[in-house]
């Protein structure tokens, strides 16, 4: 009976190996098919995305082509007022400096040239 049980165990192991090899082969094939499906799906989705973006840009181009926005008119007098407001602040600072300083802030000159070294 011991020899019979040993042969039975060997036979079961052999069948289990064959069944495992078959299942492993099936799983590998399914994984490969799944990878191919994912690649095809990604390509399909990218094609849809590109065609959608192309349609979107074509529509935007058509809308902007019909729009008459050029030449753009600019109110320069209004713009100049904004700039002159900033330049006034600079002029005000300069006026304050000259009114405060008097001769103390003015550079000392000797024969019309600035004096660089204090005596």
Protein backbone atom coordinates (compact mmCIF):
# COMPACT_ATOMS: atom_id res chain seq x y z
CA UNK A 1 0.00 0.00 0.00
CA UNK A 2 2.92 2.34 0.64
CA UNK A 3 4.10 1.99 -2.94
CA UNK A 4 0.56 2.63 -4.18
CA UNK A 5 0.23 5.80 -2.06
CA UNK A 6 3.62 7.07 -3.26
CA UNK A 7 2.63 6.52 -6.93
CA UNK A 8 -0.72 8.26 -6.25
CA UNK A 9 1.07 11.26 -4.74
CA UNK A 10 3.49 11.42 -7.71
CA UNK A 11 0.58 11.25 -10.14
CA UNK A 12 -1.32 14.01 -8.27
CA UNK A 13 1.80 16.20 -8.27
CA UNK A 14 2.26 15.63 -11.99
CA UNK A 15 -1.40 16.55 -12.69
CA UNK A 16 -1.10 19.59 -10.43
CA UNK A 17 2.00 20.73 -12.33
CA UNK A 18 0.24 20.30 -15.66
CA UNK A 19 -2.83 22.14 -14.39
CA UNK A 20 -0.64 24.94 -12.96
CA UNK A 21 1.28 25.27 -16.27
CA UNK A 22 -2.01 25.46 -18.20
CA UNK A 23 -3.45 28.07 -15.82
CA UNK A 24 -0.21 30.07 -15.92
CA UNK A 25 -0.25 30.05 -19.73
CA UNK A 26 -3.89 31.23 -19.73
CA UNK A 27 -3.12 34.05 -17.29
CA UNK A 28 -0.10 35.21 -19.31
CA UNK A 29 -2.22 35.27 -22.48
CA UNK A 30 -4.95 37.24 -20.71
CA UNK A 31 -2.42 39.75 -19.36
CA UNK A 32 -0.96 40.20 -22.84
CA UNK A 33 -4.44 40.72 -24.34
CA UNK A 34 -5.29 43.18 -21.58
CA UNK A 35 -2.10 45.17 -22.25
CA UNK A 36 -2.93 45.28 -25.96
CA UNK A 37 -6.45 46.48 -25.14
CA UNK A 38 -5.05 49.22 -22.91
CA UNK A 39 -2.69 50.37 -25.66
CA UNK A 40 -5.54 50.44 -28.18
CA UNK A 41 -7.77 52.28 -25.72
CA UNK A 42 -5.10 54.89 -24.98
CA UNK A 43 -4.55 55.44 -28.71
CA UNK A 44 -8.31 55.80 -29.23
CA UNK A 45 -8.64 58.26 -26.33
CA UNK A 46 -5.67 60.32 -27.57
CA UNK A 47 -7.15 60.45 -31.06
CA UNK A 48 -10.45 61.66 -29.60
CA UNK A 49 -8.61 64.28 -27.54
CA UNK A 50 -6.61 65.54 -30.53
CA UNK A 51 -9.66 65.71 -32.79
CA UNK A 52 -11.62 67.55 -30.07
CA UNK A 53 -8.83 70.07 -29.55
CA UNK A 54 -8.53 70.53 -33.32
CA UNK A 55 -12.25 71.23 -33.61
CA UNK A 56 -12.06 73.63 -30.65
CA UNK A 57 -9.18 75.63 -32.16
CA UNK A 58 -10.86 75.67 -35.58
CA UNK A 59 -14.05 77.03 -33.99
CA UNK A 60 -12.08 79.64 -32.03
CA UNK A 61 -10.25 80.68 -35.18
CA UNK A 62 -13.54 81.04 -37.07
CA UNK A 63 -15.06 83.15 -34.29
CA UNK A 64 -12.01 85.39 -33.97
CA UNK A 65 -11.70 85.74 -37.73
CA UNK A 66 -15.22 87.16 -37.91
CA UNK A 67 -14.68 89.49 -34.94
CA UNK A 68 -13.72 93.02 -35.92
CA UNK A 69 -11.59 94.17 -33.00
CA UNK A 70 -8.62 95.61 -34.89
CA UNK A 71 -7.46 98.32 -34.97
CA UNK A 72 -7.76 98.81 -31.24
CA UNK A 73 -8.50 102.38 -30.26
CA UNK A 74 -6.72 103.80 -27.22
CA UNK A 75 -7.67 106.98 -25.44
CA UNK A 76 -4.22 108.53 -25.17
CA UNK A 77 -5.35 111.57 -23.24
CA UNK A 78 -6.64 109.33 -20.46
CA UNK A 79 -3.43 107.34 -20.53
CA UNK A 80 -1.38 110.51 -20.39
CA UNK A 81 -3.31 111.65 -17.32
CA UNK A 82 -2.35 108.44 -15.52
CA UNK A 83 1.28 108.87 -16.45
CA UNK A 84 1.29 112.53 -15.60
CA UNK A 85 -0.09 111.66 -12.15
CA UNK A 86 2.94 109.49 -11.54
CA UNK A 87 5.32 112.07 -12.94
CA UNK A 88 3.77 114.74 -10.72
CA UNK A 89 4.68 112.73 -7.68
CA UNK A 90 8.29 112.65 -8.85
CA UNK A 91 8.23 116.38 -9.56
CA UNK A 92 6.76 117.01 -6.11
CA UNK A 93 9.60 115.08 -4.48
CA UNK A 94 12.17 117.06 -6.48
CA UNK A 95 10.53 120.35 -5.50
CA UNK A 96 10.56 119.32 -1.83
CA UNK A 97 14.25 118.44 -2.01
CA UNK A 98 15.19 121.75 -3.59
CA UNK A 99 13.08 123.80 -1.20
CA UNK A 100 14.43 121.94 1.86
CA UNK A 101 18.03 121.76 0.87
CA UNK A 102 18.98 125.26 -0.05
CA UNK A 103 22.71 125.56 -0.04
CA UNK A 104 23.34 122.74 2.41
CA UNK A 105 22.39 119.96 -0.02
CA UNK A 106 23.74 121.70 -3.09
CA UNK A 107 27.21 120.49 -4.05
CA UNK A 108 29.94 122.97 -3.33
CA UNK A 109 31.55 124.25 -6.43
CA UNK A 110 34.90 125.80 -7.00
CA UNK A 111 35.27 127.75 -10.22
CA UNK A 112 32.14 126.08 -11.67
CA UNK A 113 33.21 122.48 -10.94
CA UNK A 114 31.95 120.27 -8.16
CA UNK A 115 34.12 120.04 -5.10
CA UNK A 116 34.73 116.35 -4.41
CA UNK A 117 36.99 116.52 -1.35
CA UNK A 118 36.16 118.40 1.84
CA UNK A 119 38.90 120.70 3.10
